[in-house]
């Protein structure tokens, strides 16, 4: 009834009034209808002409879409990694010239130092200048070719000019309509740890290779995994032979049991 009264006021001010409301059928059920009413002047005076059409299916589809979007937003916000949805921005010739943030989770907002209302609606190139990282061309190819993006350990420059820092990211993206869904993970610390580990292992192998005493690394089944030149010379075996055998193959049979007791005490 309130909607009907609002429609009445709208007609008094002229024009066409459209309103969606629920009506009761003869069977006692309810249906959603879209009513359109206008006033027409005829020879007999002013009359109102209206039409109505059912909108149950439309409302059901809108409700499903709303729930789907709510589930998507909830799912995105539970992700630890930043996750965004982009819409392609095209020029008059159809070329992609930028990307617009249309959805973002909390992690993405924190990464950009912006809240949701600030980030959604912002253009990508306003946040990530193309000349610094080449990310725009990478994303553009995803939309144009439809091929998913799998980018590991990509080097990005972060921060204002003159005070840039280098971070490394694993990036994943997939085309979504005329845009894409993208997520990324900061792997800078992992990269540094791996690099430090590689350097440490290189120093270890160098120390083994120049050591004047025989040295070996064994696995838990007593197989040789690494041997140094001094041990090969001592045993008169080449490295490939040793790494294909176990310690018991070079010990006197009576010493195998004693070695295993020592190993158990170490374990």
C-alpha atoms as a PDB file:
ATOM      1  CA  UNK A   1       0.000   0.000   0.000  1.00  0.00           C
ATOM      2  CA  UNK A   2       2.837   2.387   0.774  1.00  0.00           C
ATOM      3  CA  UNK A   3       4.244   1.795  -2.710  1.00  0.00           C
ATOM      4  CA  UNK A   4       0.843   2.471  -4.254  1.00  0.00           C
ATOM      5  CA  UNK A   5       0.608   5.769  -2.405  1.00  0.00           C
ATOM      6  CA  UNK A   6       4.099   6.706  -3.617  1.00  0.00           C
ATOM      7  CA  UNK A   7       2.996   5.826  -7.162  1.00  0.00           C
ATOM      8  CA  UNK A   8      -0.075   8.044  -6.703  1.00  0.00           C
ATOM      9  CA  UNK A   9       2.160  10.971  -5.752  1.00  0.00           C
ATOM     10  CA  UNK A  10       4.374  10.266  -8.739  1.00  0.00           C
ATOM     11  CA  UNK A  11       1.435  10.356 -11.133  1.00  0.00           C
ATOM     12  CA  UNK A  12       0.260  13.668  -9.748  1.00  0.00           C
ATOM     13  CA  UNK A  13       3.643  15.155 -10.623  1.00  0.00           C
ATOM     14  CA  UNK A  14       3.398  13.759 -14.146  1.00  0.00           C
ATOM     15  CA  UNK A  15       5.328  11.086 -16.008  1.00  0.00           C
ATOM     16  CA  UNK A  16       5.379   7.303 -15.818  1.00  0.00           C
ATOM     17  CA  UNK A  17       5.592   5.452 -12.533  1.00  0.00           C
ATOM     18  CA  UNK A  18       7.125   1.989 -12.271  1.00  0.00           C
ATOM     19  CA  UNK A  19       7.102   0.008  -9.086  1.00  0.00           C
ATOM     20  CA  UNK A  20       7.741  -3.579  -8.034  1.00  0.00           C
ATOM     21  CA  UNK A  21       5.408  -5.012  -5.419  1.00  0.00           C
ATOM     22  CA  UNK A  22       4.019  -8.239  -4.146  1.00  0.00           C
ATOM     23  CA  UNK A  23       0.381  -9.156  -4.912  1.00  0.00           C
ATOM     24  CA  UNK A  24      -1.876 -11.905  -3.608  1.00  0.00           C
ATOM     25  CA  UNK A  25      -3.462 -14.315  -6.062  1.00  0.00           C
ATOM     26  CA  UNK A  26      -6.911 -15.941  -5.845  1.00  0.00           C
ATOM     27  CA  UNK A  27      -5.207 -19.083  -4.527  1.00  0.00           C
ATOM     28  CA  UNK A  28      -3.814 -17.150  -1.576  1.00  0.00           C
ATOM     29  CA  UNK A  29      -0.225 -17.259  -2.855  1.00  0.00           C
ATOM     30  CA  UNK A  30       1.970 -14.251  -3.482  1.00  0.00           C
ATOM     31  CA  UNK A  31       3.764 -13.098  -6.601  1.00  0.00           C
ATOM     32  CA  UNK A  32       6.076 -10.253  -7.398  1.00  0.00           C
ATOM     33  CA  UNK A  33       4.831  -7.957 -10.166  1.00  0.00           C
ATOM     34  CA  UNK A  34       6.328  -4.952 -11.910  1.00  0.00           C
ATOM     35  CA  UNK A  35       3.583  -2.320 -12.357  1.00  0.00           C
ATOM     36  CA  UNK A  36       3.904   0.517 -14.839  1.00  0.00           C
ATOM     37  CA  UNK A  37       1.264   3.268 -14.734  1.00  0.00           C
ATOM     38  CA  UNK A  38       0.873   6.497 -16.674  1.00  0.00           C
ATOM     39  CA  UNK A  39      -1.861   9.102 -17.066  1.00  0.00           C
ATOM     40  CA  UNK A  40      -3.369   9.674 -20.515  1.00  0.00           C
ATOM     41  CA  UNK A  41      -5.752  12.459 -21.507  1.00  0.00           C
ATOM     42  CA  UNK A  42      -8.684  11.227 -23.616  1.00  0.00           C
ATOM     43  CA  UNK A  43     -11.951  12.766 -24.875  1.00  0.00           C
ATOM     44  CA  UNK A  44     -13.590  11.409 -21.765  1.00  0.00           C
ATOM     45  CA  UNK A  45     -11.022  12.999 -19.473  1.00  0.00           C
ATOM     46  CA  UNK A  46      -7.905  11.881 -17.647  1.00  0.00           C
ATOM     47  CA  UNK A  47      -7.444   8.119 -17.346  1.00  0.00           C
ATOM     48  CA  UNK A  48      -4.684   5.971 -15.962  1.00  0.00           C
ATOM     49  CA  UNK A  49      -3.260   3.165 -18.052  1.00  0.00           C
ATOM     50  CA  UNK A  50      -1.219   0.457 -16.427  1.00  0.00           C
ATOM     51  CA  UNK A  51       0.489  -2.820 -17.197  1.00  0.00           C
ATOM     52  CA  UNK A  52       1.823  -5.557 -15.003  1.00  0.00           C
ATOM     53  CA  UNK A  53       4.205  -8.420 -15.535  1.00  0.00           C
ATOM     54  CA  UNK A  54       5.479 -11.087 -13.124  1.00  0.00           C
ATOM     55  CA  UNK A  55       9.064 -10.695 -11.889  1.00  0.00           C
ATOM     56  CA  UNK A  56       9.405 -13.750  -9.632  1.00  0.00           C
ATOM     57  CA  UNK A  57      12.134 -15.244 -11.834  1.00  0.00           C
ATOM     58  CA  UNK A  58      14.009 -11.959 -12.015  1.00  0.00           C
ATOM     59  CA  UNK A  59      13.922 -11.516  -8.256  1.00  0.00           C
ATOM     60  CA  UNK A  60      14.996 -15.109  -7.722  1.00  0.00           C
ATOM     61  CA  UNK A  61      17.944 -14.579 -10.097  1.00  0.00           C
ATOM     62  CA  UNK A  62      18.880 -11.346  -8.299  1.00  0.00           C
ATOM     63  CA  UNK A  63      18.703 -13.066  -4.923  1.00  0.00           C
ATOM     64  CA  UNK A  64      20.923 -15.884  -6.181  1.00  0.00           C
ATOM     65  CA  UNK A  65      23.396 -13.353  -7.561  1.00  0.00           C
ATOM     66  CA  UNK A  66      23.433 -11.420  -4.298  1.00  0.00           C
ATOM     67  CA  UNK A  67      24.058 -14.584  -2.279  1.00  0.00           C
ATOM     68  CA  UNK A  68      26.712 -15.716  -4.743  1.00  0.00           C
ATOM     69  CA  UNK A  69      28.528 -12.395  -4.510  1.00  0.00           C
ATOM     70  CA  UNK A  70      28.299 -12.519  -0.716  1.00  0.00           C
ATOM     71  CA  UNK A  71      29.811 -16.009  -0.694  1.00  0.00           C
ATOM     72  CA  UNK A  72      32.564 -14.869  -3.065  1.00  0.00           C
ATOM     73  CA  UNK A  73      33.384 -11.886  -0.859  1.00  0.00           C
ATOM     74  CA  UNK A  74      33.408 -14.050   2.270  1.00  0.00           C
ATOM     75  CA  UNK A  75      35.646 -16.609   0.568  1.00  0.00           C
ATOM     76  CA  UNK A  76      38.059 -13.944  -0.671  1.00  0.00           C
ATOM     77  CA  UNK A  77      38.283 -12.332   2.765  1.00  0.00           C
ATOM     78  CA  UNK A  78      39.278 -15.643   4.375  1.00  0.00           C
ATOM     79  CA  UNK A  79      42.242 -16.019   2.016  1.00  0.00           C
ATOM     80  CA  UNK A  80      45.611 -15.170   3.533  1.00  0.00           C
ATOM     81  CA  UNK A  81      47.037 -14.065   0.183  1.00  0.00           C
ATOM     82  CA  UNK A  82      45.849 -10.886  -1.573  1.00  0.00           C
ATOM     83  CA  UNK A  83      43.119 -11.599  -4.151  1.00  0.00           C
ATOM     84  CA  UNK A  84      41.553  -9.093  -6.552  1.00  0.00           C
ATOM     85  CA  UNK A  85      39.239  -8.996  -9.558  1.00  0.00           C
ATOM     86  CA  UNK A  86      40.085  -6.646 -12.437  1.00  0.00           C
ATOM     87  CA  UNK A  87      37.956  -5.269 -15.267  1.00  0.00           C
ATOM     88  CA  UNK A  88      39.751  -4.360 -18.497  1.00  0.00           C
ATOM     89  CA  UNK A  89      39.678  -0.678 -19.476  1.00  0.00           C
ATOM     90  CA  UNK A  90      39.707  -0.266 -23.271  1.00  0.00           C
ATOM     91  CA  UNK A  91      40.140   2.703 -25.582  1.00  0.00           C
ATOM     92  CA  UNK A  92      37.980   3.528 -28.619  1.00  0.00           C
ATOM     93  CA  UNK A  93      39.873   0.974 -30.733  1.00  0.00           C
ATOM     94  CA  UNK A  94      39.275  -1.829 -28.256  1.00  0.00           C
ATOM     95  CA  UNK A  95      42.854  -1.926 -26.970  1.00  0.00           C
ATOM     96  CA  UNK A  96      43.356  -2.613 -23.253  1.00  0.00           C
ATOM     97  CA  UNK A  97      44.900   0.508 -21.735  1.00  0.00           C
ATOM     98  CA  UNK A  98      44.446  -0.222 -18.020  1.00  0.00           C
ATOM     99  CA  UNK A  99      42.689  -2.406 -15.459  1.00  0.00           C
ATOM    100  CA  UNK A 100      40.095  -1.358 -12.887  1.00  0.00           C
ATOM    101  CA  UNK A 101      39.872  -2.948  -9.435  1.00  0.00           C
ATOM    102  CA  UNK A 102      36.291  -4.241  -9.104  1.00  0.00           C
ATOM    103  CA  UNK A 103      36.732  -6.567  -6.120  1.00  0.00           C
ATOM    104  CA  UNK A 104      39.401  -7.039  -3.469  1.00  0.00           C
ATOM    105  CA  UNK A 105      39.824  -8.992  -0.267  1.00  0.00           C
ATOM    106  CA  UNK A 106      41.120  -7.641   3.038  1.00  0.00           C
ATOM    107  CA  UNK A 107      44.649  -8.913   2.382  1.00  0.00           C
ATOM    108  CA  UNK A 108      44.801  -6.999  -0.914  1.00  0.00           C
ATOM    109  CA  UNK A 109      43.607  -3.816   0.804  1.00  0.00           C
ATOM    110  CA  UNK A 110      46.291  -4.173   3.475  1.00  0.00           C
ATOM    111  CA  UNK A 111      48.956  -4.741   0.819  1.00  0.00           C
ATOM    112  CA  UNK A 112      47.988  -1.517  -0.970  1.00  0.00           C
ATOM    113  CA  UNK A 113      47.511   0.442   2.255  1.00  0.00           C
ATOM    114  CA  UNK A 114      43.940   1.333   1.244  1.00  0.00           C
ATOM    115  CA  UNK A 115      40.486   0.433   2.499  1.00  0.00           C
ATOM    116  CA  UNK A 116      37.966  -1.404   0.317  1.00  0.00           C
ATOM    117  CA  UNK A 117      36.101   1.718  -0.818  1.00  0.00           C
ATOM    118  CA  UNK A 118      39.374   3.373  -1.850  1.00  0.00           C
ATOM    119  CA  UNK A 119      40.823   0.397  -3.722  1.00  0.00           C
ATOM    120  CA  UNK A 120      37.738  -0.695  -5.661  1.00  0.00           C
ATOM    121  CA  UNK A 121      37.373   1.700  -8.580  1.00  0.00           C
ATOM    122  CA  UNK A 122      41.092   2.525  -8.689  1.00  0.00           C
ATOM    123  CA  UNK A 123      43.099   1.867 -11.850  1.00  0.00           C
ATOM    124  CA  UNK A 124      46.039  -0.515 -11.764  1.00  0.00           C
ATOM    125  CA  UNK A 125      48.503   1.844 -13.455  1.00  0.00           C
ATOM    126  CA  UNK A 126      47.769   4.487 -10.840  1.00  0.00           C
ATOM    127  CA  UNK A 127      49.190   2.121  -8.219  1.00  0.00           C
ATOM    128  CA  UNK A 128      51.815   0.181 -10.186  1.00  0.00           C
ATOM    129  CA  UNK A 129      53.604   2.299 -12.807  1.00  0.00           C
ATOM    130  CA  UNK A 130      54.131   0.139 -15.890  1.00  0.00           C
ATOM    131  CA  UNK A 131      57.704   1.251 -16.460  1.00  0.00           C
ATOM    132  CA  UNK A 132      58.839  -0.336 -13.197  1.00  0.00           C
ATOM    133  CA  UNK A 133      57.613  -3.920 -13.272  1.00  0.00           C
ATOM    134  CA  UNK A 134      55.982  -4.776 -16.607  1.00  0.00           C
ATOM    135  CA  UNK A 135      52.960  -6.181 -14.761  1.00  0.00           C
ATOM    136  CA  UNK A 136      50.458  -4.477 -17.066  1.00  0.00           C
ATOM    137  CA  UNK A 137      51.660  -6.329 -20.180  1.00  0.00           C
ATOM    138  CA  UNK A 138      51.666  -9.589 -18.232  1.00  0.00           C
ATOM    139  CA  UNK A 139      48.047  -9.117 -17.151  1.00  0.00           C
ATOM    140  CA  UNK A 140      46.968  -7.872 -20.585  1.00  0.00           C
ATOM    141  CA  UNK A 141      48.162 -11.115 -22.199  1.00  0.00           C
ATOM    142  CA  UNK A 142      46.014 -13.114 -19.760  1.00  0.00           C
ATOM    143  CA  UNK A 143      42.836 -11.363 -20.959  1.00  0.00           C
ATOM    144  CA  UNK A 144      43.794 -11.336 -24.637  1.00  0.00           C
ATOM    145  CA  UNK A 145      44.942 -14.979 -24.873  1.00  0.00           C
ATOM    146  CA  UNK A 146      42.854 -16.606 -22.144  1.00  0.00           C
ATOM    147  CA  UNK A 147      45.944 -18.452 -20.918  1.00  0.00           C
ATOM    148  CA  UNK A 148      46.234 -18.651 -17.115  1.00  0.00           C
ATOM    149  CA  UNK A 149      49.212 -16.879 -15.588  1.00  0.00           C
ATOM    150  CA  UNK A 150      51.662 -18.835 -13.444  1.00  0.00           C
ATOM    151  CA  UNK A 151      54.519 -16.540 -12.494  1.00  0.00           C
ATOM    152  CA  UNK A 152      57.000 -17.594  -9.822  1.00  0.00           C
ATOM    153  CA  UNK A 153      59.607 -15.505  -8.061  1.00  0.00           C
ATOM    154  CA  UNK A 154      58.857 -12.344 -10.088  1.00  0.00           C
ATOM    155  CA  UNK A 155      60.912  -9.316  -9.097  1.00  0.00           C
ATOM    156  CA  UNK A 156      58.954  -6.156  -8.245  1.00  0.00           C
ATOM    157  CA  UNK A 157      60.183  -2.713  -7.277  1.00  0.00           C
ATOM    158  CA  UNK A 158      58.162  -1.299  -4.400  1.00  0.00           C
ATOM    159  CA  UNK A 159      57.987   2.140  -2.815  1.00  0.00           C
ATOM    160  CA  UNK A 160      58.346   5.714  -4.051  1.00  0.00           C
ATOM    161  CA  UNK A 161      60.999   6.657  -6.651  1.00  0.00           C
ATOM    162  CA  UNK A 162      64.425   6.994  -5.091  1.00  0.00           C
ATOM    163  CA  UNK A 163      63.467   4.777  -2.150  1.00  0.00           C
ATOM    164  CA  UNK A 164      62.528   1.573  -3.961  1.00  0.00           C
ATOM    165  CA  UNK A 165      62.864  -1.809  -2.352  1.00  0.00           C
ATOM    166  CA  UNK A 166      62.860  -5.084  -4.249  1.00  0.00           C
ATOM    167  CA  UNK A 167      60.321  -7.754  -3.337  1.00  0.00           C
ATOM    168  CA  UNK A 168      59.613 -11.085  -5.013  1.00  0.00           C
ATOM    169  CA  UNK A 169      56.150 -12.534  -5.643  1.00  0.00           C
ATOM    170  CA  UNK A 170      54.464 -15.666  -6.940  1.00  0.00           C
ATOM    171  CA  UNK A 171      51.541 -14.477  -9.084  1.00  0.00           C
ATOM    172  CA  UNK A 172      48.521 -16.390 -10.396  1.00  0.00           C
ATOM    173  CA  UNK A 173      45.813 -14.958 -12.664  1.00  0.00           C
ATOM    174  CA  UNK A 174      42.957 -16.254 -14.814  1.00  0.00           C
ATOM    175  CA  UNK A 175      40.668 -14.522 -17.304  1.00  0.00           C
ATOM    176  CA  UNK A 176      37.229 -13.690 -15.937  1.00  0.00           C
ATOM    177  CA  UNK A 177      34.885 -12.175 -18.529  1.00  0.00           C
ATOM    178  CA  UNK A 178      36.579  -9.062 -19.908  1.00  0.00           C
ATOM    179  CA  UNK A 179      38.954  -9.007 -16.980  1.00  0.00           C
ATOM    180  CA  UNK A 180      40.624 -11.434 -14.636  1.00  0.00           C
ATOM    181  CA  UNK A 181      40.954 -12.808 -11.151  1.00  0.00           C
ATOM    182  CA  UNK A 182      44.444 -12.471  -9.687  1.00  0.00           C
ATOM    183  CA  UNK A 183      46.260 -13.435  -6.514  1.00  0.00           C
ATOM    184  CA  UNK A 184      49.842 -13.101  -5.378  1.00  0.00           C
ATOM    185  CA  UNK A 185      52.112 -14.195  -2.541  1.00  0.00           C
ATOM    186  CA  UNK A 186      55.161 -12.405  -1.183  1.00  0.00           C
ATOM    187  CA  UNK A 187      58.022 -14.938  -1.331  1.00  0.00           C
ATOM    188  CA  UNK A 188      60.852 -12.496  -0.633  1.00  0.00           C
ATOM    189  CA  UNK A 189      61.786 -14.119   2.678  1.00  0.00           C
ATOM    190  CA  UNK A 190      61.542 -17.581   1.132  1.00  0.00           C
ATOM    191  CA  UNK A 191      63.788 -16.477  -1.755  1.00  0.00           C
ATOM    192  CA  UNK A 192      66.352 -15.039   0.658  1.00  0.00           C
ATOM    193  CA  UNK A 193      66.281 -18.186   2.779  1.00  0.00           C
ATOM    194  CA  UNK A 194      66.761 -20.398  -0.266  1.00  0.00           C
ATOM    195  CA  UNK A 195      69.596 -18.213  -1.474  1.00  0.00           C
ATOM    196  CA  UNK A 196      71.269 -18.319   1.941  1.00  0.00           C
ATOM    197  CA  UNK A 197      70.777 -22.086   2.110  1.00  0.00           C
ATOM    198  CA  UNK A 198      72.324 -22.540  -1.332  1.00  0.00           C
ATOM    199  CA  UNK A 199      75.304 -20.426  -0.285  1.00  0.00           C
ATOM    200  CA  UNK A 200      75.664 -22.422   2.937  1.00  0.00           C
ATOM    201  CA  UNK A 201      75.552 -25.716   1.076  1.00  0.00           C
ATOM    202  CA  UNK A 202      78.113 -24.441  -1.407  1.00  0.00           C
ATOM    203  CA  UNK A 203      80.452 -23.508   1.461  1.00  0.00           C
ATOM    204  CA  UNK A 204      79.906 -26.951   3.012  1.00  0.00           C
ATOM    205  CA  UNK A 205      80.767 -28.730  -0.244  1.00  0.00           C
ATOM    206  CA  UNK A 206      83.818 -26.543  -0.716  1.00  0.00           C
ATOM    207  CA  UNK A 207      84.992 -27.339   2.822  1.00  0.00           C
ATOM    208  CA  UNK A 208      84.462 -31.077   2.192  1.00  0.00           C
ATOM    209  CA  UNK A 209      86.267 -30.990  -1.120  1.00  0.00           C
ATOM    210  CA  UNK A 210      89.473 -29.465   0.319  1.00  0.00           C
ATOM    211  CA  UNK A 211      89.458 -31.328   3.654  1.00  0.00           C
ATOM    212  CA  UNK A 212      92.544 -33.551   4.047  1.00  0.00           C
ATOM    213  CA  UNK A 213      90.560 -36.229   5.892  1.00  0.00           C
ATOM    214  CA  UNK A 214      87.970 -38.577   4.485  1.00  0.00           C
ATOM    215  CA  UNK A 215      84.401 -37.229   4.905  1.00  0.00           C
ATOM    216  CA  UNK A 216      80.985 -38.579   3.911  1.00  0.00           C
ATOM    217  CA  UNK A 217      77.314 -37.862   4.394  1.00  0.00           C
ATOM    218  CA  UNK A 218      75.035 -40.885   4.847  1.00  0.00           C
ATOM    219  CA  UNK A 219      71.264 -41.210   4.661  1.00  0.00           C
ATOM    220  CA  UNK A 220      69.229 -43.125   7.247  1.00  0.00           C
ATOM    221  CA  UNK A 221      69.690 -46.389   5.342  1.00  0.00           C
ATOM    222  CA  UNK A 222      73.490 -45.936   5.609  1.00  0.00           C
ATOM    223  CA  UNK A 223      73.856 -45.108   1.932  1.00  0.00           C
ATOM    224  CA  UNK A 224      76.526 -42.619   0.849  1.00  0.00           C
ATOM    225  CA  UNK A 225      74.983 -39.366  -0.427  1.00  0.00           C
ATOM    226  CA  UNK A 226      78.101 -37.183  -0.503  1.00  0.00           C
ATOM    227  CA  UNK A 227      81.804 -38.077  -0.365  1.00  0.00           C
ATOM    228  CA  UNK A 228      84.954 -36.008  -0.628  1.00  0.00           C
ATOM    229  CA  UNK A 229      88.118 -36.678  -2.673  1.00  0.00           C
ATOM    230  CA  UNK A 230      90.129 -37.615   0.425  1.00  0.00           C
ATOM    231  CA  UNK A 231      87.714 -40.456   1.249  1.00  0.00           C
ATOM    232  CA  UNK A 232      87.739 -41.698  -2.346  1.00  0.00           C
ATOM    233  CA  UNK A 233      91.533 -41.766  -2.296  1.00  0.00           C
ATOM    234  CA  UNK A 234      91.591 -43.479   1.083  1.00  0.00           C
ATOM    235  CA  UNK A 235      89.234 -46.267  -0.053  1.00  0.00           C
ATOM    236  CA  UNK A 236      90.458 -46.436  -3.638  1.00  0.00           C
ATOM    237  CA  UNK A 237      86.916 -45.888  -4.938  1.00  0.00           C
ATOM    238  CA  UNK A 238      85.504 -43.295  -7.296  1.00  0.00           C
ATOM    239  CA  UNK A 239      82.598 -41.044  -6.129  1.00  0.00           C
ATOM    240  CA  UNK A 240      79.972 -42.714  -8.361  1.00  0.00           C
ATOM    241  CA  UNK A 241      80.743 -46.134  -6.862  1.00  0.00           C
ATOM    242  CA  UNK A 242      80.517 -44.876  -3.291  1.00  0.00           C
ATOM    243  CA  UNK A 243      77.251 -42.975  -3.784  1.00  0.00           C
ATOM    244  CA  UNK A 244      75.762 -46.153  -5.236  1.00  0.00           C
ATOM    245  CA  UNK A 245      76.658 -48.261  -2.160  1.00  0.00           C
ATOM    246  CA  UNK A 246      76.175 -48.359   1.577  1.00  0.00           C
ATOM    247  CA  UNK A 247      78.631 -48.158   4.430  1.00  0.00           C
ATOM    248  CA  UNK A 248      78.425 -51.910   5.034  1.00  0.00           C
ATOM    249  CA  UNK A 249      79.987 -52.409   1.584  1.00  0.00           C
ATOM    250  CA  UNK A 250      83.270 -50.837   2.729  1.00  0.00           C
ATOM    251  CA  UNK A 251      83.394 -52.005   6.375  1.00  0.00           C
ATOM    252  CA  UNK A 252      84.885 -55.221   7.606  1.00  0.00           C
ATOM    253  CA  UNK A 253      81.843 -57.473   8.306  1.00  0.00           C
ATOM    254  CA  UNK A 254      82.545 -57.587  12.022  1.00  0.00           C
ATOM    255  CA  UNK A 255      82.491 -53.774  12.248  1.00  0.00           C
ATOM    256  CA  UNK A 256      78.986 -53.345  10.808  1.00  0.00           C
ATOM    257  CA  UNK A 257      77.229 -54.215  14.068  1.00  0.00           C
ATOM    258  CA  UNK A 258      79.445 -51.878  16.083  1.00  0.00           C
ATOM    259  CA  UNK A 259      78.769 -49.023  13.690  1.00  0.00           C
ATOM    260  CA  UNK A 260      75.013 -49.554  13.951  1.00  0.00           C
ATOM    261  CA  UNK A 261      75.188 -49.446  17.744  1.00  0.00           C
ATOM    262  CA  UNK A 262      77.033 -46.147  17.471  1.00  0.00           C
ATOM    263  CA  UNK A 263      74.419 -44.850  15.039  1.00  0.00           C
ATOM    264  CA  UNK A 264      71.599 -45.839  17.408  1.00  0.00           C
ATOM    265  CA  UNK A 265      73.238 -43.948  20.254  1.00  0.00           C
ATOM    266  CA  UNK A 266      73.534 -40.895  18.004  1.00  0.00           C
ATOM    267  CA  UNK A 267      69.897 -41.189  17.023  1.00  0.00           C
END
